[in-house]
Amino acid sequence: MNVADSGSLPNTPALGLVTIGQAPRTDLRPDAEPLLPGLRLVEHGALDDDRFDGDAEAGTRRMLAPEPGEAPLVSRLRDGGSVLLGHAALVPRMEEAVARAERDGAAATLVLCTGRFPAVASTRPLLFAEPLVQRAVAALVGTDPVGIVCPHPDQAEDVARRWSDVLPGAVRAAGANPYAARERALAEVAEAARALAADGCSWLVLDCIGYTEEMRRTAARAAARPVLLARAVAVRMAAEAVAAFG
C-alpha cells in the first residue's frame, strides 16, 4: 500500500519507507514528518497483500512465523495489531515492497526495522535501520554501559549479542512491546527502562521502529537516563541520503 504526502509536488524528493509489516505506519508519521521537511514520503509494507482477518489469519501467521530457534522479528499491522515474523518468508516480500517504493519515485529507501537482513535487491540506495542506528549510538556513548529495549523478550539475547559486536562497553537488553495498547506499552517501556538503569546502564536505546517519542519520554522519566530512539536516528540519517542522491 502506497501512501504519499498529498501536499507534495510530484518532483519533490522522495524517501521510501518500507515496513516489514503493513503500510501505512500511522504510528510513525507524527514523529517522522517533522524530521523530514521538504521530502515526500512513499510508504509500502512487505505484508500489504497478506490477510490477517477471518479464516485466513491463522494460516498467514503460521506461514510468516520464525523458524524454531530463530529470534523473531516484530512489526505492526494496518489495524494496529502486531505479528511475529521469520526471515525466510519476509525477504521476498521486502524486495517487492522496495521495488514498489522505487517505482513511486523514491530516491532512497529506508527499511523500517532494526533487525538484521541478508541482501535485498534494489536499484537505488537501500538503507537498513540497524547499522544506521548502531553506528550513531556507538559514536555517542563511547565505553559507557548501554541498555537496549527490544519488542519481545525472546529477542533480548540476540539483540544484546548484536549490540555487543559494535559497542565496547557492557550491553544489557530487556523487552517491552511497543505494539500493545498505549497504556500497557508505556508501562512496559517504563519497567524495562527502570530495570536497565538499575542494572547500571548509563544510556538507553529504544531499539525498534515501533517505539515512539512518547515512549522515549516515558523511558527517560522512569530511568533518569538519556534515551536514544531508533526511529528518530534512522529517519534523520535517511534524509541525508535523499539529499545526497535525490
C-alpha atoms as a PDB file:
ATOM      1  CA  MET A   1       0.000   0.000   0.000  1.00  0.00           C
ATOM      2  CA  ASN A   2       1.473   3.308  -1.068  1.00  0.00           C
ATOM      3  CA  VAL A   3       0.910   6.432   0.957  1.00  0.00           C
ATOM      4  CA  ALA A   4       2.476   9.623  -0.383  1.00  0.00           C
ATOM      5  CA  ASP A   5       2.209  13.103   1.079  1.00  0.00           C
ATOM      6  CA  SER A   6      -0.725  14.532  -0.838  1.00  0.00           C
ATOM      7  CA  GLY A   7       0.518  18.050  -0.191  1.00  0.00           C
ATOM      8  CA  SER A   8       3.825  17.488  -2.009  1.00  0.00           C
ATOM      9  CA  LEU A   9       4.537  18.120  -5.650  1.00  0.00           C
ATOM     10  CA  PRO A  10       5.458  15.086  -7.778  1.00  0.00           C
ATOM     11  CA  ASN A  11       9.015  16.399  -8.319  1.00  0.00           C
ATOM     12  CA  THR A  12       9.625  16.776  -4.567  1.00  0.00           C
ATOM     13  CA  PRO A  13      12.482  14.474  -3.441  1.00  0.00           C
ATOM     14  CA  ALA A  14      11.010  11.248  -2.111  1.00  0.00           C
ATOM     15  CA  LEU A  15      12.113   8.918   0.675  1.00  0.00           C
ATOM     16  CA  GLY A  16      10.789   5.368   0.543  1.00  0.00           C
ATOM     17  CA  LEU A  17       9.693   3.903   3.863  1.00  0.00           C
ATOM     18  CA  VAL A  18       9.354   0.118   3.765  1.00  0.00           C
ATOM     19  CA  THR A  19       7.960  -1.563   6.842  1.00  0.00           C
ATOM     20  CA  ILE A  20       8.299  -5.302   7.373  1.00  0.00           C
ATOM     21  CA  GLY A  21       4.636  -5.223   8.400  1.00  0.00           C
ATOM     22  CA  GLN A  22       1.860  -3.280   6.699  1.00  0.00           C
ATOM     23  CA  ALA A  23       1.640   0.309   5.498  1.00  0.00           C
ATOM     24  CA  PRO A  24       0.634   2.950   6.286  1.00  0.00           C
ATOM     25  CA  ARG A  25       2.589   3.317   9.535  1.00  0.00           C
ATOM     26  CA  THR A  26       0.260   5.864  11.077  1.00  0.00           C
ATOM     27  CA  ASP A  27       2.162   5.448  14.345  1.00  0.00           C
ATOM     28  CA  LEU A  28       5.373   6.631  12.655  1.00  0.00           C
ATOM     29  CA  ARG A  29       4.329   9.655  10.616  1.00  0.00           C
ATOM     30  CA  PRO A  30       3.711  12.096  13.508  1.00  0.00           C
ATOM     31  CA  ASP A  31       7.294  11.541  14.702  1.00  0.00           C
ATOM     32  CA  ALA A  32       8.933  11.249  11.255  1.00  0.00           C
ATOM     33  CA  GLU A  33       7.414  14.129   9.318  1.00  0.00           C
ATOM     34  CA  PRO A  34       8.904  16.946  11.463  1.00  0.00           C
ATOM     35  CA  LEU A  35      12.351  15.394  10.821  1.00  0.00           C
ATOM     36  CA  LEU A  36      11.834  15.346   7.035  1.00  0.00           C
ATOM     37  CA  PRO A  37      10.956  18.867   5.879  1.00  0.00           C
ATOM     38  CA  GLY A  38      10.743  19.165   2.126  1.00  0.00           C
ATOM     39  CA  LEU A  39      10.590  15.423   1.485  1.00  0.00           C
ATOM     40  CA  ARG A  40       7.751  13.353   0.075  1.00  0.00           C
ATOM     41  CA  LEU A  41       7.206  10.055   1.903  1.00  0.00           C
ATOM     42  CA  VAL A  42       6.374   6.903  -0.050  1.00  0.00           C
ATOM     43  CA  GLU A  43       5.213   4.034   2.176  1.00  0.00           C
ATOM     44  CA  HIS A  44       4.924   0.339   1.355  1.00  0.00           C
ATOM     45  CA  GLY A  45       4.730  -2.751   3.535  1.00  0.00           C
ATOM     46  CA  ALA A  46       6.143  -6.225   2.998  1.00  0.00           C
ATOM     47  CA  LEU A  47       2.828  -7.695   4.201  1.00  0.00           C
ATOM     48  CA  ASP A  48       0.479  -5.314   2.376  1.00  0.00           C
ATOM     49  CA  ASP A  49      -1.011  -8.153   0.315  1.00  0.00           C
ATOM     50  CA  ASP A  50      -1.278 -10.643   3.202  1.00  0.00           C
ATOM     51  CA  ARG A  51      -4.575 -11.177   5.003  1.00  0.00           C
ATOM     52  CA  PHE A  52      -4.912 -11.055   8.780  1.00  0.00           C
ATOM     53  CA  ASP A  53      -8.671 -11.340   9.023  1.00  0.00           C
ATOM     54  CA  GLY A  54     -11.231 -14.111   9.227  1.00  0.00           C
ATOM     55  CA  ASP A  55     -10.259 -17.662   8.367  1.00  0.00           C
ATOM     56  CA  ALA A  56      -7.063 -16.502   6.608  1.00  0.00           C
ATOM     57  CA  GLU A  57      -5.396 -15.066   9.703  1.00  0.00           C
ATOM     58  CA  ALA A  58      -4.163 -18.257  11.378  1.00  0.00           C
ATOM     59  CA  GLY A  59      -2.680 -19.612   8.153  1.00  0.00           C
ATOM     60  CA  THR A  60      -0.974 -16.316   7.349  1.00  0.00           C
ATOM     61  CA  ARG A  61       0.621 -16.127  10.783  1.00  0.00           C
ATOM     62  CA  ARG A  62       1.876 -19.736  10.509  1.00  0.00           C
ATOM     63  CA  MET A  63       3.380 -19.032   7.084  1.00  0.00           C
ATOM     64  CA  LEU A  64       5.241 -15.955   8.329  1.00  0.00           C
ATOM     65  CA  ALA A  65       6.329 -17.331  11.717  1.00  0.00           C
ATOM     66  CA  PRO A  66      10.003 -17.652  12.713  1.00  0.00           C
ATOM     67  CA  GLU A  67      11.739 -20.982  12.342  1.00  0.00           C
ATOM     68  CA  PRO A  68      12.315 -22.926  15.584  1.00  0.00           C
ATOM     69  CA  GLY A  69      15.164 -21.278  17.471  1.00  0.00           C
ATOM     70  CA  GLU A  70      15.150 -18.162  15.264  1.00  0.00           C
ATOM     71  CA  ALA A  71      14.978 -14.778  17.010  1.00  0.00           C
ATOM     72  CA  PRO A  72      11.637 -13.303  15.948  1.00  0.00           C
ATOM     73  CA  LEU A  73      11.026 -10.018  14.195  1.00  0.00           C
ATOM     74  CA  VAL A  74       8.019  -7.981  15.296  1.00  0.00           C
ATOM     75  CA  SER A  75       6.099  -5.456  13.220  1.00  0.00           C
ATOM     76  CA  ARG A  76       2.852  -3.526  13.073  1.00  0.00           C
ATOM     77  CA  LEU A  77      -0.219  -4.384  11.033  1.00  0.00           C
ATOM     78  CA  ARG A  78      -2.525  -1.864   9.411  1.00  0.00           C
ATOM     79  CA  ASP A  79      -5.174  -2.365  12.098  1.00  0.00           C
ATOM     80  CA  GLY A  80      -2.706  -1.553  14.883  1.00  0.00           C
ATOM     81  CA  GLY A  81      -2.038  -5.165  15.850  1.00  0.00           C
ATOM     82  CA  SER A  82       1.333  -6.886  15.588  1.00  0.00           C
ATOM     83  CA  VAL A  83       2.829 -10.014  14.043  1.00  0.00           C
ATOM     84  CA  LEU A  84       5.857 -12.227  14.772  1.00  0.00           C
ATOM     85  CA  LEU A  85       7.942 -12.841  11.661  1.00  0.00           C
ATOM     86  CA  GLY A  86      10.775 -15.026  10.426  1.00  0.00           C
ATOM     87  CA  HIS A  87      13.254 -14.058   7.724  1.00  0.00           C
ATOM     88  CA  ALA A  88      12.540 -16.750   5.118  1.00  0.00           C
ATOM     89  CA  ALA A  89       9.038 -15.659   4.151  1.00  0.00           C
ATOM     90  CA  LEU A  90       9.782 -11.993   4.699  1.00  0.00           C
ATOM     91  CA  VAL A  91      12.748 -11.256   2.415  1.00  0.00           C
ATOM     92  CA  PRO A  92      10.994 -11.773  -0.958  1.00  0.00           C
ATOM     93  CA  ARG A  93       8.083  -9.670   0.269  1.00  0.00           C
ATOM     94  CA  MET A  94      10.526  -6.942   1.294  1.00  0.00           C
ATOM     95  CA  GLU A  95      12.084  -6.921  -2.171  1.00  0.00           C
ATOM     96  CA  GLU A  96       8.660  -6.439  -3.733  1.00  0.00           C
ATOM     97  CA  ALA A  97       7.895  -3.555  -1.360  1.00  0.00           C
ATOM     98  CA  VAL A  98      11.240  -1.878  -2.126  1.00  0.00           C
ATOM     99  CA  ALA A  99      10.562  -2.189  -5.864  1.00  0.00           C
ATOM    100  CA  ARG A 100       7.168  -0.536  -5.410  1.00  0.00           C
ATOM    101  CA  ALA A 101       8.742   2.352  -3.493  1.00  0.00           C
ATOM    102  CA  GLU A 102      11.294   2.858  -6.252  1.00  0.00           C
ATOM    103  CA  ARG A 103       8.573   2.829  -8.911  1.00  0.00           C
ATOM    104  CA  ASP A 104       6.854   5.558  -6.900  1.00  0.00           C
ATOM    105  CA  GLY A 105       9.948   7.728  -7.189  1.00  0.00           C
ATOM    106  CA  ALA A 106      11.924   7.050  -4.012  1.00  0.00           C
ATOM    107  CA  ALA A 107      15.468   8.384  -4.382  1.00  0.00           C
ATOM    108  CA  ALA A 108      16.462   6.184  -1.426  1.00  0.00           C
ATOM    109  CA  THR A 109      14.521   3.716   0.692  1.00  0.00           C
ATOM    110  CA  LEU A 110      14.741   3.086   4.424  1.00  0.00           C
ATOM    111  CA  VAL A 111      13.794  -0.363   5.733  1.00  0.00           C
ATOM    112  CA  LEU A 112      11.827   0.312   8.895  1.00  0.00           C
ATOM    113  CA  CYS A 113      13.207  -2.469  11.049  1.00  0.00           C
ATOM    114  CA  THR A 114      16.174  -2.703  13.378  1.00  0.00           C
ATOM    115  CA  GLY A 115      16.577  -6.425  12.691  1.00  0.00           C
ATOM    116  CA  ARG A 116      19.383  -7.860  10.562  1.00  0.00           C
ATOM    117  CA  PHE A 117      18.673  -8.984   6.995  1.00  0.00           C
ATOM    118  CA  PRO A 118      20.504 -10.687   4.150  1.00  0.00           C
ATOM    119  CA  ALA A 119      20.946  -8.782   0.884  1.00  0.00           C
ATOM    120  CA  VAL A 120      17.730  -7.287  -0.506  1.00  0.00           C
ATOM    121  CA  ALA A 121      17.649  -6.340  -4.191  1.00  0.00           C
ATOM    122  CA  SER A 122      17.273  -2.667  -5.071  1.00  0.00           C
ATOM    123  CA  THR A 123      18.246  -0.284  -7.858  1.00  0.00           C
ATOM    124  CA  ARG A 124      18.661   2.823  -5.666  1.00  0.00           C
ATOM    125  CA  PRO A 125      20.268   3.356  -2.256  1.00  0.00           C
ATOM    126  CA  LEU A 126      18.698   0.991   0.273  1.00  0.00           C
ATOM    127  CA  LEU A 127      19.240   1.831   3.918  1.00  0.00           C
ATOM    128  CA  PHE A 128      18.779  -0.508   6.855  1.00  0.00           C
ATOM    129  CA  ALA A 129      17.859   0.948  10.212  1.00  0.00           C
ATOM    130  CA  GLU A 130      20.052  -1.376  12.280  1.00  0.00           C
ATOM    131  CA  PRO A 131      23.520  -0.266  11.055  1.00  0.00           C
ATOM    132  CA  LEU A 132      22.427   3.381  10.897  1.00  0.00           C
ATOM    133  CA  VAL A 133      21.263   3.283  14.496  1.00  0.00           C
ATOM    134  CA  GLN A 134      24.069   1.146  15.868  1.00  0.00           C
ATOM    135  CA  ARG A 135      26.868   3.278  14.416  1.00  0.00           C
ATOM    136  CA  ALA A 136      25.261   6.507  15.522  1.00  0.00           C
ATOM    137  CA  VAL A 137      24.778   5.153  19.053  1.00  0.00           C
ATOM    138  CA  ALA A 138      28.368   3.887  19.162  1.00  0.00           C
ATOM    139  CA  ALA A 139      29.625   7.370  18.278  1.00  0.00           C
ATOM    140  CA  LEU A 140      27.602   8.911  21.112  1.00  0.00           C
ATOM    141  CA  VAL A 141      28.007   6.540  24.055  1.00  0.00           C
ATOM    142  CA  GLY A 142      31.718   5.711  23.994  1.00  0.00           C
ATOM    143  CA  THR A 143      32.524   2.999  26.528  1.00  0.00           C
ATOM    144  CA  ASP A 144      29.505   3.627  28.755  1.00  0.00           C
ATOM    145  CA  PRO A 145      27.227   0.663  29.561  1.00  0.00           C
ATOM    146  CA  VAL A 146      24.101   0.693  27.378  1.00  0.00           C
ATOM    147  CA  GLY A 147      20.653  -0.781  27.899  1.00  0.00           C
ATOM    148  CA  ILE A 148      18.717  -1.903  24.844  1.00  0.00           C
ATOM    149  CA  VAL A 149      14.913  -2.109  24.915  1.00  0.00           C
ATOM    150  CA  CYS A 150      13.538  -4.526  22.302  1.00  0.00           C
ATOM    151  CA  PRO A 151       9.940  -5.551  21.471  1.00  0.00           C
ATOM    152  CA  HIS A 152       9.923  -9.196  22.546  1.00  0.00           C
ATOM    153  CA  PRO A 153      11.696 -10.995  25.417  1.00  0.00           C
ATOM    154  CA  ASP A 154      12.724 -13.793  23.041  1.00  0.00           C
ATOM    155  CA  GLN A 155      14.789 -11.218  21.143  1.00  0.00           C
ATOM    156  CA  ALA A 156      16.768  -9.993  24.146  1.00  0.00           C
ATOM    157  CA  GLU A 157      19.676 -12.442  23.962  1.00  0.00           C
ATOM    158  CA  ASP A 158      20.149 -11.960  20.215  1.00  0.00           C
ATOM    159  CA  VAL A 159      19.788  -8.174  20.482  1.00  0.00           C
ATOM    160  CA  ALA A 160      22.365  -7.954  23.276  1.00  0.00           C
ATOM    161  CA  ARG A 161      24.802 -10.049  21.242  1.00  0.00           C
ATOM    162  CA  ARG A 162      24.395  -7.924  18.104  1.00  0.00           C
ATOM    163  CA  TRP A 163      24.881  -4.680  20.011  1.00  0.00           C
ATOM    164  CA  SER A 164      27.901  -6.102  21.839  1.00  0.00           C
ATOM    165  CA  ASP A 165      29.541  -6.526  18.440  1.00  0.00           C
ATOM    166  CA  VAL A 166      29.595  -2.732  17.954  1.00  0.00           C
ATOM    167  CA  LEU A 167      29.720  -1.255  21.467  1.00  0.00           C
ATOM    168  CA  PRO A 168      32.872  -1.559  23.589  1.00  0.00           C
ATOM    169  CA  GLY A 169      31.044  -1.202  26.899  1.00  0.00           C
ATOM    170  CA  ALA A 170      28.658  -3.556  28.667  1.00  0.00           C
ATOM    171  CA  VAL A 171      25.300  -4.195  26.984  1.00  0.00           C
ATOM    172  CA  ARG A 172      22.060  -5.316  28.614  1.00  0.00           C
ATOM    173  CA  ALA A 173      18.683  -5.910  26.944  1.00  0.00           C
ATOM    174  CA  ALA A 174      15.080  -6.055  28.130  1.00  0.00           C
ATOM    175  CA  GLY A 175      11.748  -6.493  26.379  1.00  0.00           C
ATOM    176  CA  ALA A 176       8.802  -4.076  26.118  1.00  0.00           C
ATOM    177  CA  ASN A 177       6.094  -4.420  23.485  1.00  0.00           C
ATOM    178  CA  PRO A 178       5.576  -1.114  21.604  1.00  0.00           C
ATOM    179  CA  TYR A 179       2.514  -2.515  19.826  1.00  0.00           C
ATOM    180  CA  ALA A 180       0.497  -3.247  22.951  1.00  0.00           C
ATOM    181  CA  ALA A 181      -2.381  -0.956  23.892  1.00  0.00           C
ATOM    182  CA  ARG A 182      -0.995   2.509  24.664  1.00  0.00           C
ATOM    183  CA  GLU A 183      -1.096   2.426  28.472  1.00  0.00           C
ATOM    184  CA  ARG A 184       0.295  -1.079  28.635  1.00  0.00           C
ATOM    185  CA  ALA A 185       3.047  -0.248  26.147  1.00  0.00           C
ATOM    186  CA  LEU A 186       4.083   2.813  28.156  1.00  0.00           C
ATOM    187  CA  ALA A 187       4.074   0.776  31.366  1.00  0.00           C
ATOM    188  CA  GLU A 188       6.250  -1.943  29.816  1.00  0.00           C
ATOM    189  CA  VAL A 189       8.711   0.610  28.451  1.00  0.00           C
ATOM    190  CA  ALA A 190       8.950   2.294  31.856  1.00  0.00           C
ATOM    191  CA  GLU A 191       9.500  -1.041  33.605  1.00  0.00           C
ATOM    192  CA  ALA A 192      12.234  -2.088  31.153  1.00  0.00           C
ATOM    193  CA  ALA A 193      13.926   1.309  31.429  1.00  0.00           C
ATOM    194  CA  ARG A 194      13.968   1.186  35.244  1.00  0.00           C
ATOM    195  CA  ALA A 195      15.360  -2.343  35.240  1.00  0.00           C
ATOM    196  CA  LEU A 196      18.175  -1.452  32.825  1.00  0.00           C
ATOM    197  CA  ALA A 197      19.077   1.669  34.801  1.00  0.00           C
ATOM    198  CA  ALA A 198      19.144  -0.387  37.997  1.00  0.00           C
ATOM    199  CA  ASP A 199      21.484  -2.811  36.195  1.00  0.00           C
ATOM    200  CA  GLY A 200      23.989   0.005  35.719  1.00  0.00           C
ATOM    201  CA  CYS A 201      23.198   1.227  32.202  1.00  0.00           C
ATOM    202  CA  SER A 202      24.177   4.857  31.554  1.00  0.00           C
ATOM    203  CA  TRP A 203      22.300   5.159  28.235  1.00  0.00           C
ATOM    204  CA  LEU A 204      19.158   3.508  26.915  1.00  0.00           C
ATOM    205  CA  VAL A 205      18.220   2.729  23.309  1.00  0.00           C
ATOM    206  CA  LEU A 206      14.638   2.029  22.226  1.00  0.00           C
ATOM    207  CA  ASP A 207      15.639  -0.434  19.529  1.00  0.00           C
ATOM    208  CA  CYS A 208      12.529  -0.810  17.390  1.00  0.00           C
ATOM    209  CA  ILE A 209      10.853   1.457  14.846  1.00  0.00           C
ATOM    210  CA  GLY A 210       7.633   0.923  16.821  1.00  0.00           C
ATOM    211  CA  TYR A 211       8.845   2.900  19.832  1.00  0.00           C
ATOM    212  CA  THR A 212       7.545   6.470  19.780  1.00  0.00           C
ATOM    213  CA  GLU A 213       8.685   9.856  21.065  1.00  0.00           C
ATOM    214  CA  GLU A 214       6.131   9.470  23.859  1.00  0.00           C
ATOM    215  CA  MET A 215       7.771   6.178  24.828  1.00  0.00           C
ATOM    216  CA  ARG A 216      11.175   7.848  24.763  1.00  0.00           C
ATOM    217  CA  ARG A 217       9.971  10.483  27.226  1.00  0.00           C
ATOM    218  CA  THR A 218       8.410   7.789  29.412  1.00  0.00           C
ATOM    219  CA  ALA A 219      11.651   5.798  29.481  1.00  0.00           C
ATOM    220  CA  ALA A 220      13.708   8.885  30.288  1.00  0.00           C
ATOM    221  CA  ARG A 221      11.462   9.790  33.229  1.00  0.00           C
ATOM    222  CA  ALA A 222      11.419   6.234  34.562  1.00  0.00           C
ATOM    223  CA  ALA A 223      15.171   5.664  34.316  1.00  0.00           C
ATOM    224  CA  ALA A 224      16.585   9.195  34.689  1.00  0.00           C
ATOM    225  CA  ARG A 225      18.923   8.313  31.818  1.00  0.00           C
ATOM    226  CA  PRO A 226      19.404   9.697  28.305  1.00  0.00           C
ATOM    227  CA  VAL A 227      17.319   7.683  25.821  1.00  0.00           C
ATOM    228  CA  LEU A 228      18.059   7.289  22.107  1.00  0.00           C
ATOM    229  CA  LEU A 229      15.149   6.481  19.797  1.00  0.00           C
ATOM    230  CA  ALA A 230      15.858   4.183  16.851  1.00  0.00           C
ATOM    231  CA  ARG A 231      13.158   5.637  14.590  1.00  0.00           C
ATOM    232  CA  ALA A 232      14.460   9.196  15.009  1.00  0.00           C
ATOM    233  CA  VAL A 233      18.100   8.268  14.365  1.00  0.00           C
ATOM    234  CA  ALA A 234      17.279   6.173  11.286  1.00  0.00           C
ATOM    235  CA  VAL A 235      14.927   8.729   9.740  1.00  0.00           C
ATOM    236  CA  ARG A 236      17.370  11.630  10.226  1.00  0.00           C
ATOM    237  CA  MET A 237      20.171   9.706   8.529  1.00  0.00           C
ATOM    238  CA  ALA A 238      17.913   8.521   5.706  1.00  0.00           C
ATOM    239  CA  ALA A 239      17.010  12.145   4.990  1.00  0.00           C
ATOM    240  CA  GLU A 240      20.701  12.811   4.386  1.00  0.00           C
ATOM    241  CA  ALA A 241      20.784  10.031   1.799  1.00  0.00           C
ATOM    242  CA  VAL A 242      17.875  11.567  -0.113  1.00  0.00           C
ATOM    243  CA  ALA A 243      19.640  14.935  -0.054  1.00  0.00           C
ATOM    244  CA  ALA A 244      22.792  13.298  -1.416  1.00  0.00           C
ATOM    245  CA  PHE A 245      21.182  11.141  -4.102  1.00  0.00           C
ATOM    246  CA  GLY A 246      17.895  12.901  -4.773  1.00  0.00           C
END
